[in-house]
C-alpha cells in the first residue's frame, strides 16, 4: 500500500463556530468605538458563513 497522506481532521466543530461567533459579537459591542471593531465585525460575519 503506497504512503497516502493522512486525511485532515476538522479542528473546530459547528458548535465551536457558534460559540466563537457569540464571543466575537459580545466583543464587538464592547469595543464599538474602536476602529478595530470593523475587523472584528467582519470576522463575526465570516464565522457565520462557516458554522
N, C-alpha and C. Protein backbone atom coordinates (compact mmCIF):
# COMPACT_ATOMS: atom_id res chain seq x y z
N UNK A 1 0.85 -1.19 0.00
CA UNK A 1 0.00 0.00 0.00
C UNK A 1 0.90 1.25 0.00
N UNK A 2 0.74 2.12 -0.99
CA UNK A 2 1.58 3.33 -1.04
C UNK A 2 1.27 4.26 0.12
N UNK A 3 2.26 5.06 0.44
CA UNK A 3 2.05 6.06 1.51
C UNK A 3 1.09 7.12 1.03
N UNK A 4 -0.07 7.15 1.62
CA UNK A 4 -1.06 8.17 1.28
C UNK A 4 -1.09 9.21 2.38
N UNK A 5 -1.26 10.47 2.00
CA UNK A 5 -1.34 11.49 3.06
C UNK A 5 -2.56 11.24 3.93
N UNK A 6 -2.38 11.49 5.21
CA UNK A 6 -3.50 11.32 6.12
C UNK A 6 -4.55 12.38 5.84
N UNK A 7 -5.78 11.97 6.02
CA UNK A 7 -6.89 12.90 5.84
C UNK A 7 -6.87 13.93 6.96
N UNK A 8 -7.02 15.18 6.61
CA UNK A 8 -7.02 16.20 7.66
C UNK A 8 -8.33 16.14 8.43
N UNK A 9 -8.23 16.41 9.70
CA UNK A 9 -9.41 16.40 10.57
C UNK A 9 -9.77 17.82 10.93
N UNK A 10 -11.05 18.06 11.06
CA UNK A 10 -11.53 19.39 11.44
C UNK A 10 -11.02 19.75 12.83
N UNK A 11 -10.61 20.97 12.98
CA UNK A 11 -10.12 21.45 14.27
C UNK A 11 -11.29 21.93 15.13
N UNK A 12 -12.25 22.58 14.49
CA UNK A 12 -13.40 23.14 15.20
C UNK A 12 -14.68 22.45 14.77
N UNK A 13 -15.59 22.29 15.70
CA UNK A 13 -16.90 21.73 15.38
C UNK A 13 -17.85 22.87 15.00
N UNK A 14 -19.00 22.52 14.47
CA UNK A 14 -20.01 23.51 14.14
C UNK A 14 -20.42 24.28 15.40
N UNK A 15 -20.52 23.57 16.51
CA UNK A 15 -20.88 24.23 17.77
C UNK A 15 -19.80 25.24 18.18
N UNK A 16 -18.54 24.91 17.93
CA UNK A 16 -17.45 25.83 18.26
C UNK A 16 -17.60 27.15 17.51
N UNK A 17 -17.98 27.07 16.22
CA UNK A 17 -18.16 28.30 15.45
C UNK A 17 -19.26 29.16 16.04
N UNK A 18 -20.32 28.53 16.51
CA UNK A 18 -21.40 29.29 17.16
C UNK A 18 -20.92 29.99 18.42
N UNK A 19 -20.12 29.29 19.20
CA UNK A 19 -19.58 29.88 20.43
C UNK A 19 -18.63 31.04 20.12
N UNK A 20 -17.78 30.85 19.12
CA UNK A 20 -16.84 31.91 18.75
C UNK A 20 -17.59 33.12 18.21
N UNK A 21 -18.64 32.86 17.43
CA UNK A 21 -19.44 33.97 16.88
C UNK A 21 -20.09 34.76 18.02
N UNK A 22 -20.61 34.06 19.01
CA UNK A 22 -21.22 34.72 20.17
C UNK A 22 -20.20 35.57 20.93
N UNK A 23 -19.00 35.02 21.13
CA UNK A 23 -17.95 35.75 21.84
C UNK A 23 -17.50 36.98 21.06
N UNK A 24 -17.34 36.84 19.75
CA UNK A 24 -16.92 37.97 18.93
C UNK A 24 -18.00 39.05 18.92
N UNK A 25 -19.26 38.64 18.85
CA UNK A 25 -20.36 39.62 18.86
C UNK A 25 -20.34 40.44 20.15
N UNK A 26 -20.11 39.78 21.27
CA UNK A 26 -20.03 40.49 22.54
C UNK A 26 -18.86 41.46 22.55
N UNK A 27 -17.73 41.01 22.02
CA UNK A 27 -16.53 41.87 21.98
C UNK A 27 -16.76 43.07 21.07
N UNK A 28 -17.42 42.86 19.93
CA UNK A 28 -17.69 43.97 19.01
C UNK A 28 -18.53 45.04 19.71
N UNK A 29 -19.51 44.61 20.50
CA UNK A 29 -20.34 45.58 21.23
C UNK A 29 -19.49 46.35 22.25
N UNK A 30 -18.55 45.67 22.88
CA UNK A 30 -17.72 46.33 23.90
C UNK A 30 -16.75 47.35 23.31
N UNK A 31 -16.27 47.09 22.10
CA UNK A 31 -15.27 47.98 21.51
C UNK A 31 -15.85 48.78 20.34
N UNK A 32 -17.13 49.03 20.36
CA UNK A 32 -17.82 49.68 19.24
C UNK A 32 -17.16 50.98 18.78
N UNK A 33 -16.55 51.73 19.68
CA UNK A 33 -15.93 53.00 19.32
C UNK A 33 -14.49 52.85 18.84
N UNK A 34 -13.96 51.64 18.89
CA UNK A 34 -12.59 51.36 18.47
C UNK A 34 -12.58 51.07 16.97
N UNK A 35 -11.64 51.64 16.22
CA UNK A 35 -11.59 51.36 14.78
C UNK A 35 -11.44 49.86 14.46
N UNK A 36 -10.85 49.11 15.38
CA UNK A 36 -10.69 47.66 15.15
C UNK A 36 -12.01 46.92 15.15
N UNK A 37 -13.07 47.55 15.64
CA UNK A 37 -14.36 46.86 15.70
C UNK A 37 -14.83 46.43 14.31
N UNK A 38 -14.42 47.15 13.28
CA UNK A 38 -14.79 46.80 11.90
C UNK A 38 -14.19 45.44 11.54
N UNK A 39 -12.94 45.23 11.91
CA UNK A 39 -12.28 43.96 11.62
C UNK A 39 -12.95 42.81 12.36
N UNK A 40 -13.32 43.04 13.61
CA UNK A 40 -13.99 42.00 14.39
C UNK A 40 -15.40 41.76 13.87
N UNK A 41 -16.05 42.79 13.38
CA UNK A 41 -17.37 42.63 12.79
C UNK A 41 -17.29 41.76 11.53
N UNK A 42 -16.26 41.99 10.73
CA UNK A 42 -16.05 41.16 9.54
C UNK A 42 -15.78 39.71 9.93
N UNK A 43 -15.01 39.51 10.98
CA UNK A 43 -14.75 38.15 11.49
C UNK A 43 -16.06 37.49 11.92
N UNK A 44 -16.90 38.23 12.59
CA UNK A 44 -18.21 37.73 13.03
C UNK A 44 -19.00 37.20 11.83
N UNK A 45 -19.01 37.95 10.76
CA UNK A 45 -19.78 37.54 9.58
C UNK A 45 -19.15 36.34 8.89
N UNK A 46 -17.81 36.29 8.86
CA UNK A 46 -17.15 35.11 8.27
C UNK A 46 -17.44 33.86 9.09
N UNK A 47 -17.46 33.97 10.40
CA UNK A 47 -17.78 32.83 11.26
C UNK A 47 -19.21 32.36 10.99
N UNK A 48 -20.10 33.29 10.71
CA UNK A 48 -21.48 32.93 10.42
C UNK A 48 -21.61 32.10 9.15
N UNK A 49 -20.74 32.35 8.19
CA UNK A 49 -20.77 31.58 6.95
C UNK A 49 -20.21 30.17 7.15
N UNK A 50 -19.35 30.01 8.14
CA UNK A 50 -18.71 28.70 8.36
C UNK A 50 -19.55 27.73 9.20
N UNK A 51 -20.28 28.28 10.15
CA UNK A 51 -20.96 27.37 11.06
C UNK A 51 -22.39 27.66 11.29
